[in-house]
Amino acid sequence: MSANSPHIIAVSNQKGGVGKTTTAINLGTALAAVGRKVLIIDLDSQGNASTGLGVFPENRELTTYDLLLGEAPLADVCQETPVPGLFVAPSTVDLSSADVDLVEDKNRVLRLRQALGSQAAQDCGFEYILIDCPPSLNLLTINAMVAAKSVLVPLQCEFFALEGLSQLMLTVREVRQSLNPALELHGVVLTMYDKRNNLSRQVEEDVRSNLGDLVYETTIPRNIRLSEAPSHSIPALIYDHRSAGAIAYQKLAAELLRRMNDPVAITERLTG
C-alpha cells in the first residue's frame, strides 16, 4: 500500500444481529464528520447499509455485484449519501449469487482487492473504506478480508460471544497465511452493552482478559435511537446526535483515529 492508499477495514462477524451494519454506518458518519472522505462498501445482499444511508433499491443501478464481476469500476458504483464526505457502494439481492457466478474464476477471492487496488479506485481519493460484511464466512467475506488491511469485529455482549469470535480469528489467520499477509485484527468493539446487566459486565471482563488491548475502550450501548435510525434511512448520528448511541460512535471514531495515528480534530461533533 502506498502512503496515499486508503485505510481499508472489514467490519465482520459471522453472527447476525451483532451490530455490523450499525457500526459501519455510524463509524463512517463520524469519520466523515471530522473531514475524512469515507466509503462504505455494502457487501451484504440484504443491502441494509445501503438503505440505512438513504440509497433505496430503485436507485441502485450499479452495485457491488457489478464491482465484483468486473462490470463496473468503483467510481461508477459509488453514490453520495446525505452525509457530506460519506459515500456508499450499494448492494442488492443479486450479490447473493456471486458465489455461483464466480465459482469457475480461479481469482474469485481477489476480485474486491483488484477493484479497490486499481488506479481508478485510487483516484477516488477515499481515506477510509469500511466494508460491511455479510453474517457468514463465505466468498464475500473472504474477498473483504483479502482486500482489507484490518478487521474490526463488533461483538455482542452475550453468553457465547467468545465462541463465535474464535472461529473468526481462525479465518483471519488463514487469510493472512495464504492470501493477505498484511491482514491484522484491528480490534473488537463490544456492542449492545448494558452496564446494568451482569452478563454484559461478565462478557466484557472475559473478552478484555482474553484479548487485552485489542478490545476498544469504547462500548456501544443498547440504545433505542440506534434501532430507530435505520427506519428513517439516516445514521443515528444524524437522527439524534445527542443520543447515547450516537455519542458512543463518536467516541469510537476518535479512538480509531488515535489507533491509526491519524491527526484530526477528534473532539469535533456533528451538529445536525
C-alpha atoms as a PDB file:
ATOM      1  CA  MET A   1       0.000   0.000   0.000  1.00  0.00           C
ATOM      2  CA  SER A   2       1.245   3.448  -0.870  1.00  0.00           C
ATOM      3  CA  ALA A   3       1.185   6.378   1.508  1.00  0.00           C
ATOM      4  CA  ASN A   4      -1.916   7.677  -0.254  1.00  0.00           C
ATOM      5  CA  SER A   5      -3.810   4.394  -0.098  1.00  0.00           C
ATOM      6  CA  PRO A   6      -6.991   4.319   1.967  1.00  0.00           C
ATOM      7  CA  HIS A   7      -7.324   2.529   5.274  1.00  0.00           C
ATOM      8  CA  ILE A   8      -9.483  -0.452   4.313  1.00  0.00           C
ATOM      9  CA  ILE A   9     -11.283  -2.045   7.266  1.00  0.00           C
ATOM     10  CA  ALA A  10     -13.555  -5.085   7.027  1.00  0.00           C
ATOM     11  CA  VAL A  11     -16.359  -4.883   9.599  1.00  0.00           C
ATOM     12  CA  SER A  12     -17.001  -8.562  10.146  1.00  0.00           C
ATOM     13  CA  ASN A  13     -18.588 -11.168  12.383  1.00  0.00           C
ATOM     14  CA  GLN A  14     -20.163 -14.361  11.050  1.00  0.00           C
ATOM     15  CA  LYS A  15     -23.049 -13.966  13.505  1.00  0.00           C
ATOM     16  CA  GLY A  16     -26.008 -11.841  12.511  1.00  0.00           C
ATOM     17  CA  GLY A  17     -27.547  -9.136  14.641  1.00  0.00           C
ATOM     18  CA  VAL A  18     -24.351  -8.047  16.390  1.00  0.00           C
ATOM     19  CA  GLY A  19     -24.256  -4.502  15.028  1.00  0.00           C
ATOM     20  CA  LYS A  20     -22.019  -4.771  11.942  1.00  0.00           C
ATOM     21  CA  THR A  21     -24.108  -2.525   9.722  1.00  0.00           C
ATOM     22  CA  THR A  22     -24.908  -0.099  12.531  1.00  0.00           C
ATOM     23  CA  THR A  23     -21.194   0.141  13.268  1.00  0.00           C
ATOM     24  CA  ALA A  24     -20.199   0.637   9.616  1.00  0.00           C
ATOM     25  CA  ILE A  25     -22.814   3.351   9.054  1.00  0.00           C
ATOM     26  CA  ASN A  26     -22.238   5.337  12.225  1.00  0.00           C
ATOM     27  CA  LEU A  27     -18.469   4.932  12.380  1.00  0.00           C
ATOM     28  CA  GLY A  28     -18.310   6.058   8.759  1.00  0.00           C
ATOM     29  CA  THR A  29     -20.523   9.038   9.543  1.00  0.00           C
ATOM     30  CA  ALA A  30     -18.359  10.053  12.498  1.00  0.00           C
ATOM     31  CA  LEU A  31     -15.182   9.832  10.404  1.00  0.00           C
ATOM     32  CA  ALA A  32     -16.767  11.937   7.655  1.00  0.00           C
ATOM     33  CA  ALA A  33     -17.840  14.484  10.273  1.00  0.00           C
ATOM     34  CA  VAL A  34     -14.203  15.214  11.085  1.00  0.00           C
ATOM     35  CA  GLY A  35     -13.276  15.742   7.467  1.00  0.00           C
ATOM     36  CA  ARG A  36     -12.319  12.310   6.235  1.00  0.00           C
ATOM     37  CA  LYS A  37     -13.555  11.089   2.844  1.00  0.00           C
ATOM     38  CA  VAL A  38     -15.180   7.742   3.599  1.00  0.00           C
ATOM     39  CA  LEU A  39     -16.656   4.913   1.543  1.00  0.00           C
ATOM     40  CA  ILE A  40     -18.863   2.170   2.923  1.00  0.00           C
ATOM     41  CA  ILE A  41     -18.914  -0.930   0.736  1.00  0.00           C
ATOM     42  CA  ASP A  42     -22.158  -2.837   1.224  1.00  0.00           C
ATOM     43  CA  LEU A  43     -21.118  -6.458   0.770  1.00  0.00           C
ATOM     44  CA  ASP A  44     -24.297  -7.934   2.240  1.00  0.00           C
ATOM     45  CA  SER A  45     -27.030  -8.972  -0.216  1.00  0.00           C
ATOM     46  CA  GLN A  46     -29.653  -7.688   2.226  1.00  0.00           C
ATOM     47  CA  GLY A  47     -28.477  -4.175   1.385  1.00  0.00           C
ATOM     48  CA  ASN A  48     -29.141  -2.797   4.853  1.00  0.00           C
ATOM     49  CA  ALA A  49     -26.186  -0.418   4.810  1.00  0.00           C
ATOM     50  CA  SER A  50     -27.416   0.999   1.510  1.00  0.00           C
ATOM     51  CA  THR A  51     -30.955   1.543   2.798  1.00  0.00           C
ATOM     52  CA  GLY A  52     -29.647   2.901   6.095  1.00  0.00           C
ATOM     53  CA  LEU A  53     -27.778   5.578   4.150  1.00  0.00           C
ATOM     54  CA  GLY A  54     -30.773   6.600   2.060  1.00  0.00           C
ATOM     55  CA  VAL A  55     -29.947   4.695  -1.145  1.00  0.00           C
ATOM     56  CA  PHE A  56     -33.097   2.768  -1.983  1.00  0.00           C
ATOM     57  CA  PRO A  57     -33.279  -0.299  -4.284  1.00  0.00           C
ATOM     58  CA  GLU A  58     -34.743   1.626  -7.221  1.00  0.00           C
ATOM     59  CA  ASN A  59     -31.670   3.882  -7.194  1.00  0.00           C
ATOM     60  CA  ARG A  60     -29.069   1.101  -7.189  1.00  0.00           C
ATOM     61  CA  GLU A  61     -28.351   0.870 -10.900  1.00  0.00           C
ATOM     62  CA  LEU A  62     -24.758  -0.262 -10.357  1.00  0.00           C
ATOM     63  CA  THR A  63     -23.835  -2.234  -7.258  1.00  0.00           C
ATOM     64  CA  THR A  64     -21.091  -4.179  -5.533  1.00  0.00           C
ATOM     65  CA  TYR A  65     -22.203  -7.175  -7.603  1.00  0.00           C
ATOM     66  CA  ASP A  66     -21.126  -5.300 -10.750  1.00  0.00           C
ATOM     67  CA  LEU A  67     -17.909  -4.300  -8.996  1.00  0.00           C
ATOM     68  CA  LEU A  68     -17.013  -7.896  -8.088  1.00  0.00           C
ATOM     69  CA  LEU A  69     -17.816  -9.230 -11.541  1.00  0.00           C
ATOM     70  CA  GLY A  70     -15.668  -6.536 -13.133  1.00  0.00           C
ATOM     71  CA  GLU A  71     -18.615  -5.000 -14.962  1.00  0.00           C
ATOM     72  CA  ALA A  72     -18.255  -1.521 -13.411  1.00  0.00           C
ATOM     73  CA  PRO A  73     -15.394   0.435 -11.793  1.00  0.00           C
ATOM     74  CA  LEU A  74     -15.572   1.689  -8.232  1.00  0.00           C
ATOM     75  CA  ALA A  75     -16.124   5.305  -9.281  1.00  0.00           C
ATOM     76  CA  ASP A  76     -19.298   4.332 -11.164  1.00  0.00           C
ATOM     77  CA  VAL A  77     -20.673   2.196  -8.333  1.00  0.00           C
ATOM     78  CA  CYS A  78     -20.197   4.741  -5.533  1.00  0.00           C
ATOM     79  CA  GLN A  79     -23.065   7.039  -4.599  1.00  0.00           C
ATOM     80  CA  GLU A  80     -23.183  10.094  -2.383  1.00  0.00           C
ATOM     81  CA  THR A  81     -25.165   9.895   0.852  1.00  0.00           C
ATOM     82  CA  PRO A  82     -26.893  12.662   2.819  1.00  0.00           C
ATOM     83  CA  VAL A  83     -23.735  12.874   4.951  1.00  0.00           C
ATOM     84  CA  PRO A  84     -21.094  15.166   3.375  1.00  0.00           C
ATOM     85  CA  GLY A  85     -17.938  13.196   2.645  1.00  0.00           C
ATOM     86  CA  LEU A  86     -19.613   9.805   3.066  1.00  0.00           C
ATOM     87  CA  PHE A  87     -20.229   7.567   0.061  1.00  0.00           C
ATOM     88  CA  VAL A  88     -21.684   4.088  -0.339  1.00  0.00           C
ATOM     89  CA  ALA A  89     -21.187   1.297  -2.853  1.00  0.00           C
ATOM     90  CA  PRO A  90     -24.675  -0.236  -2.606  1.00  0.00           C
ATOM     91  CA  SER A  91     -25.778  -3.826  -2.910  1.00  0.00           C
ATOM     92  CA  THR A  92     -28.880  -5.722  -3.962  1.00  0.00           C
ATOM     93  CA  VAL A  93     -30.048  -9.315  -3.695  1.00  0.00           C
ATOM     94  CA  ASP A  94     -28.042 -10.002  -6.882  1.00  0.00           C
ATOM     95  CA  LEU A  95     -24.992 -10.215  -4.655  1.00  0.00           C
ATOM     96  CA  SER A  96     -26.284 -13.495  -3.207  1.00  0.00           C
ATOM     97  CA  SER A  97     -25.433 -15.237  -6.479  1.00  0.00           C
ATOM     98  CA  ALA A  98     -21.823 -14.034  -6.564  1.00  0.00           C
ATOM     99  CA  ASP A  99     -20.552 -17.342  -5.136  1.00  0.00           C
ATOM    100  CA  VAL A 100     -22.122 -19.254  -8.030  1.00  0.00           C
ATOM    101  CA  ASP A 101     -21.267 -16.720 -10.729  1.00  0.00           C
ATOM    102  CA  LEU A 102     -17.594 -16.696  -9.759  1.00  0.00           C
ATOM    103  CA  VAL A 103     -17.213 -20.407  -8.984  1.00  0.00           C
ATOM    104  CA  GLU A 104     -15.040 -21.083 -12.047  1.00  0.00           C
ATOM    105  CA  ASP A 105     -12.879 -17.985 -11.590  1.00  0.00           C
ATOM    106  CA  LYS A 106      -9.574 -19.018 -10.041  1.00  0.00           C
ATOM    107  CA  ASN A 107      -9.078 -15.430  -8.832  1.00  0.00           C
ATOM    108  CA  ARG A 108     -12.531 -15.131  -7.285  1.00  0.00           C
ATOM    109  CA  VAL A 109     -11.203 -14.319  -3.795  1.00  0.00           C
ATOM    110  CA  LEU A 110      -9.142 -11.459  -5.238  1.00  0.00           C
ATOM    111  CA  ARG A 111     -11.958  -9.640  -7.013  1.00  0.00           C
ATOM    112  CA  LEU A 112     -12.550  -6.909  -4.449  1.00  0.00           C
ATOM    113  CA  ARG A 113      -8.834  -6.298  -3.878  1.00  0.00           C
ATOM    114  CA  GLN A 114      -8.328  -5.882  -7.603  1.00  0.00           C
ATOM    115  CA  ALA A 115     -11.252  -3.463  -7.819  1.00  0.00           C
ATOM    116  CA  LEU A 116     -10.021  -1.356  -4.902  1.00  0.00           C
ATOM    117  CA  GLY A 117      -6.393  -1.503  -5.985  1.00  0.00           C
ATOM    118  CA  SER A 118      -6.975  -0.140  -9.470  1.00  0.00           C
ATOM    119  CA  GLN A 119      -5.755   3.336 -10.353  1.00  0.00           C
ATOM    120  CA  ALA A 120      -9.351   4.418 -10.923  1.00  0.00           C
ATOM    121  CA  ALA A 121     -10.182   3.447  -7.348  1.00  0.00           C
ATOM    122  CA  GLN A 122      -7.143   5.287  -6.006  1.00  0.00           C
ATOM    123  CA  ASP A 123      -8.220   8.382  -7.931  1.00  0.00           C
ATOM    124  CA  CYS A 124     -11.485   8.433  -5.936  1.00  0.00           C
ATOM    125  CA  GLY A 125      -9.470   9.748  -3.009  1.00  0.00           C
ATOM    126  CA  PHE A 126     -11.104   7.815  -0.179  1.00  0.00           C
ATOM    127  CA  GLU A 127      -9.184   7.939   3.087  1.00  0.00           C
ATOM    128  CA  TYR A 128     -11.219   5.245   4.843  1.00  0.00           C
ATOM    129  CA  ILE A 129     -13.081   2.335   3.294  1.00  0.00           C
ATOM    130  CA  LEU A 130     -15.338   0.318   5.606  1.00  0.00           C
ATOM    131  CA  ILE A 131     -16.593  -2.991   4.221  1.00  0.00           C
ATOM    132  CA  ASP A 132     -19.897  -4.126   5.723  1.00  0.00           C
ATOM    133  CA  CYS A 133     -19.570  -7.917   5.523  1.00  0.00           C
ATOM    134  CA  PRO A 134     -22.389 -10.475   5.406  1.00  0.00           C
ATOM    135  CA  PRO A 135     -23.194 -12.546   8.522  1.00  0.00           C
ATOM    136  CA  SER A 136     -21.278 -15.599   7.313  1.00  0.00           C
ATOM    137  CA  LEU A 137     -17.745 -16.639   6.400  1.00  0.00           C
ATOM    138  CA  ASN A 138     -18.448 -17.002   2.673  1.00  0.00           C
ATOM    139  CA  LEU A 139     -16.756 -15.853  -0.543  1.00  0.00           C
ATOM    140  CA  LEU A 140     -17.859 -12.261   0.029  1.00  0.00           C
ATOM    141  CA  THR A 141     -16.326 -12.128   3.496  1.00  0.00           C
ATOM    142  CA  ILE A 142     -13.096 -13.698   2.228  1.00  0.00           C
ATOM    143  CA  ASN A 143     -12.996 -11.078  -0.555  1.00  0.00           C
ATOM    144  CA  ALA A 144     -13.348  -8.383   2.094  1.00  0.00           C
ATOM    145  CA  MET A 145     -10.516  -9.803   4.198  1.00  0.00           C
ATOM    146  CA  VAL A 146      -8.236 -10.199   1.200  1.00  0.00           C
ATOM    147  CA  ALA A 147      -8.878  -6.579   0.207  1.00  0.00           C
ATOM    148  CA  ALA A 148      -8.628  -5.128   3.712  1.00  0.00           C
ATOM    149  CA  LYS A 149      -5.714  -4.040   5.841  1.00  0.00           C
ATOM    150  CA  SER A 150      -7.526  -4.975   9.040  1.00  0.00           C
ATOM    151  CA  VAL A 151     -10.691  -6.483  10.513  1.00  0.00           C
ATOM    152  CA  LEU A 152     -12.930  -4.714  13.024  1.00  0.00           C
ATOM    153  CA  VAL A 153     -15.197  -7.082  14.930  1.00  0.00           C
ATOM    154  CA  PRO A 154     -18.451  -5.896  16.528  1.00  0.00           C
ATOM    155  CA  LEU A 155     -19.105  -8.333  19.369  1.00  0.00           C
ATOM    156  CA  GLN A 156     -22.493  -8.529  21.047  1.00  0.00           C
ATOM    157  CA  CYS A 157     -22.408  -8.847  24.821  1.00  0.00           C
ATOM    158  CA  GLU A 158     -23.959 -12.297  25.071  1.00  0.00           C
ATOM    159  CA  PHE A 159     -23.027 -15.629  26.610  1.00  0.00           C
ATOM    160  CA  PHE A 160     -21.447 -17.323  23.578  1.00  0.00           C
ATOM    161  CA  ALA A 161     -19.665 -14.235  22.271  1.00  0.00           C
ATOM    162  CA  LEU A 162     -16.144 -15.636  22.576  1.00  0.00           C
ATOM    163  CA  GLU A 163     -17.024 -18.918  20.859  1.00  0.00           C
ATOM    164  CA  GLY A 164     -18.007 -17.184  17.623  1.00  0.00           C
ATOM    165  CA  LEU A 165     -15.028 -14.874  17.840  1.00  0.00           C
ATOM    166  CA  SER A 166     -12.565 -17.780  17.919  1.00  0.00           C
ATOM    167  CA  GLN A 167     -13.799 -19.014  14.517  1.00  0.00           C
ATOM    168  CA  LEU A 168     -13.481 -15.543  13.032  1.00  0.00           C
ATOM    169  CA  MET A 169      -9.952 -15.173  14.361  1.00  0.00           C
ATOM    170  CA  LEU A 170      -9.068 -18.545  12.822  1.00  0.00           C
ATOM    171  CA  THR A 171     -10.354 -17.319   9.464  1.00  0.00           C
ATOM    172  CA  VAL A 172      -8.314 -14.115   9.767  1.00  0.00           C
ATOM    173  CA  ARG A 173      -5.226 -16.212  10.478  1.00  0.00           C
ATOM    174  CA  GLU A 174      -5.868 -18.462   7.475  1.00  0.00           C
ATOM    175  CA  VAL A 175      -6.380 -15.495   5.147  1.00  0.00           C
ATOM    176  CA  ARG A 176      -3.170 -13.923   6.459  1.00  0.00           C
ATOM    177  CA  GLN A 177      -1.202 -17.111   5.840  1.00  0.00           C
ATOM    178  CA  SER A 178      -2.455 -17.793   2.334  1.00  0.00           C
ATOM    179  CA  LEU A 179      -3.848 -14.638   0.725  1.00  0.00           C
ATOM    180  CA  ASN A 180      -3.151 -11.401   2.587  1.00  0.00           C
ATOM    181  CA  PRO A 181      -0.043 -11.371   4.806  1.00  0.00           C
ATOM    182  CA  ALA A 182      -0.734  -7.754   5.812  1.00  0.00           C
ATOM    183  CA  LEU A 183      -4.143  -8.506   7.327  1.00  0.00           C
ATOM    184  CA  GLU A 184      -4.446  -7.878  11.049  1.00  0.00           C
ATOM    185  CA  LEU A 185      -7.175  -7.954  13.653  1.00  0.00           C
ATOM    186  CA  HIS A 186      -7.685  -4.238  14.148  1.00  0.00           C
ATOM    187  CA  GLY A 187      -9.876  -4.530  17.200  1.00  0.00           C
ATOM    188  CA  VAL A 188     -13.046  -5.747  18.867  1.00  0.00           C
ATOM    189  CA  VAL A 189     -15.950  -3.449  19.696  1.00  0.00           C
ATOM    190  CA  LEU A 190     -18.420  -4.534  22.365  1.00  0.00           C
ATOM    191  CA  THR A 191     -21.961  -3.782  21.185  1.00  0.00           C
ATOM    192  CA  MET A 192     -25.419  -3.854  22.761  1.00  0.00           C
ATOM    193  CA  TYR A 193     -23.757  -3.254  26.115  1.00  0.00           C
ATOM    194  CA  ASP A 194     -25.965  -2.753  29.160  1.00  0.00           C
ATOM    195  CA  LYS A 195     -23.959  -1.699  32.205  1.00  0.00           C
ATOM    196  CA  ARG A 196     -26.900  -2.629  34.443  1.00  0.00           C
ATOM    197  CA  ASN A 197     -26.741  -6.190  33.214  1.00  0.00           C
ATOM    198  CA  ASN A 198     -24.407  -8.622  34.980  1.00  0.00           C
ATOM    199  CA  LEU A 199     -23.983 -10.658  31.789  1.00  0.00           C
ATOM    200  CA  SER A 200     -22.727  -7.625  29.844  1.00  0.00           C
ATOM    201  CA  ARG A 201     -20.165  -6.887  32.511  1.00  0.00           C
ATOM    202  CA  GLN A 202     -19.095 -10.542  32.641  1.00  0.00           C
ATOM    203  CA  VAL A 203     -18.696 -10.770  28.861  1.00  0.00           C
ATOM    204  CA  GLU A 204     -16.681  -7.537  28.884  1.00  0.00           C
ATOM    205  CA  GLU A 205     -14.401  -8.904  31.586  1.00  0.00           C
ATOM    206  CA  ASP A 206     -13.913 -12.201  29.720  1.00  0.00           C
ATOM    207  CA  VAL A 207     -13.208 -10.533  26.374  1.00  0.00           C
ATOM    208  CA  ARG A 208     -10.787  -7.999  27.835  1.00  0.00           C
ATOM    209  CA  SER A 209      -8.941 -10.643  29.842  1.00  0.00           C
ATOM    210  CA  ASN A 210      -8.542 -12.786  26.708  1.00  0.00           C
ATOM    211  CA  LEU A 211      -7.778 -10.088  24.128  1.00  0.00           C
ATOM    212  CA  GLY A 212      -6.379  -7.199  26.136  1.00  0.00           C
ATOM    213  CA  ASP A 213      -5.686  -4.043  24.131  1.00  0.00           C
ATOM    214  CA  LEU A 214      -7.391  -5.444  21.035  1.00  0.00           C
ATOM    215  CA  VAL A 215     -10.693  -4.555  22.695  1.00  0.00           C
ATOM    216  CA  TYR A 216     -11.741  -0.946  22.238  1.00  0.00           C
ATOM    217  CA  GLU A 217     -12.221   1.066  25.400  1.00  0.00           C
ATOM    218  CA  THR A 218     -15.441   2.430  23.916  1.00  0.00           C
ATOM    219  CA  THR A 219     -18.527   0.231  24.272  1.00  0.00           C
ATOM    220  CA  ILE A 220     -21.698   0.673  22.235  1.00  0.00           C
ATOM    221  CA  PRO A 221     -24.790   0.655  24.457  1.00  0.00           C
ATOM    222  CA  ARG A 222     -28.220  -0.749  23.792  1.00  0.00           C
ATOM    223  CA  ASN A 223     -29.974   2.383  22.595  1.00  0.00           C
ATOM    224  CA  ILE A 224     -33.389   2.922  21.069  1.00  0.00           C
ATOM    225  CA  ARG A 225     -32.115   5.680  18.781  1.00  0.00           C
ATOM    226  CA  LEU A 226     -29.669   3.264  17.162  1.00  0.00           C
ATOM    227  CA  SER A 227     -32.610   0.948  16.472  1.00  0.00           C
ATOM    228  CA  GLU A 228     -34.905   3.698  15.188  1.00  0.00           C
ATOM    229  CA  ALA A 229     -32.495   5.450  12.819  1.00  0.00           C
ATOM    230  CA  PRO A 230     -32.495   2.785  10.040  1.00  0.00           C
ATOM    231  CA  SER A 231     -36.264   3.138   9.619  1.00  0.00           C
ATOM    232  CA  HIS A 232     -35.609   6.778   8.702  1.00  0.00           C
ATOM    233  CA  SER A 233     -32.766   5.791   6.346  1.00  0.00           C
ATOM    234  CA  ILE A 234     -30.235   8.007   8.086  1.00  0.00           C
ATOM    235  CA  PRO A 235     -27.375   7.306  10.512  1.00  0.00           C
ATOM    236  CA  ALA A 236     -28.108   7.607  14.215  1.00  0.00           C
ATOM    237  CA  LEU A 237     -25.564  10.429  14.381  1.00  0.00           C
ATOM    238  CA  ILE A 238     -27.856  12.447  12.124  1.00  0.00           C
ATOM    239  CA  TYR A 239     -31.127  11.156  13.564  1.00  0.00           C
ATOM    240  CA  ASP A 240     -30.191  12.151  17.125  1.00  0.00           C
ATOM    241  CA  HIS A 241     -26.565  13.152  17.609  1.00  0.00           C
ATOM    242  CA  ARG A 242     -27.116  13.643  21.348  1.00  0.00           C
ATOM    243  CA  SER A 243     -28.296  10.087  21.964  1.00  0.00           C
ATOM    244  CA  ALA A 244     -26.128   7.702  23.952  1.00  0.00           C
ATOM    245  CA  GLY A 245     -25.586   5.513  20.882  1.00  0.00           C
ATOM    246  CA  ALA A 246     -24.507   8.409  18.666  1.00  0.00           C
ATOM    247  CA  ILE A 247     -22.118   9.720  21.303  1.00  0.00           C
ATOM    248  CA  ALA A 248     -20.618   6.248  21.676  1.00  0.00           C
ATOM    249  CA  TYR A 249     -19.891   6.019  17.949  1.00  0.00           C
ATOM    250  CA  GLN A 250     -18.276   9.453  18.002  1.00  0.00           C
ATOM    251  CA  LYS A 251     -16.025   8.208  20.800  1.00  0.00           C
ATOM    252  CA  LEU A 252     -15.325   5.027  18.841  1.00  0.00           C
ATOM    253  CA  ALA A 253     -14.265   7.078  15.814  1.00  0.00           C
ATOM    254  CA  ALA A 254     -11.971   9.184  17.997  1.00  0.00           C
ATOM    255  CA  GLU A 255     -10.407   6.049  19.427  1.00  0.00           C
ATOM    256  CA  LEU A 256      -9.969   4.535  15.957  1.00  0.00           C
ATOM    257  CA  LEU A 257      -8.250   7.693  14.723  1.00  0.00           C
ATOM    258  CA  ARG A 258      -5.860   7.579  17.662  1.00  0.00           C
ATOM    259  CA  ARG A 259      -5.051   3.947  16.913  1.00  0.00           C
ATOM    260  CA  MET A 260      -4.413   4.917  13.297  1.00  0.00           C
ATOM    261  CA  ASN A 261      -2.193   7.809  14.387  1.00  0.00           C
ATOM    262  CA  ASP A 262      -4.423   9.960  12.221  1.00  0.00           C
ATOM    263  CA  PRO A 263      -4.029  13.634  13.225  1.00  0.00           C
ATOM    264  CA  VAL A 264      -7.515  15.108  13.196  1.00  0.00           C
ATOM    265  CA  ALA A 265      -9.699  17.270  15.402  1.00  0.00           C
ATOM    266  CA  ILE A 266     -11.171  14.243  17.173  1.00  0.00           C
ATOM    267  CA  THR A 267     -13.260  16.313  19.581  1.00  0.00           C
ATOM    268  CA  GLU A 268     -15.365  17.745  16.765  1.00  0.00           C
ATOM    269  CA  ARG A 269     -19.066  16.794  16.960  1.00  0.00           C
ATOM    270  CA  LEU A 270     -21.906  16.578  14.489  1.00  0.00           C
ATOM    271  CA  THR A 271     -24.353  19.441  14.867  1.00  0.00           C
ATOM    272  CA  GLY A 272     -27.185  18.272  12.655  1.00  0.00           C
END
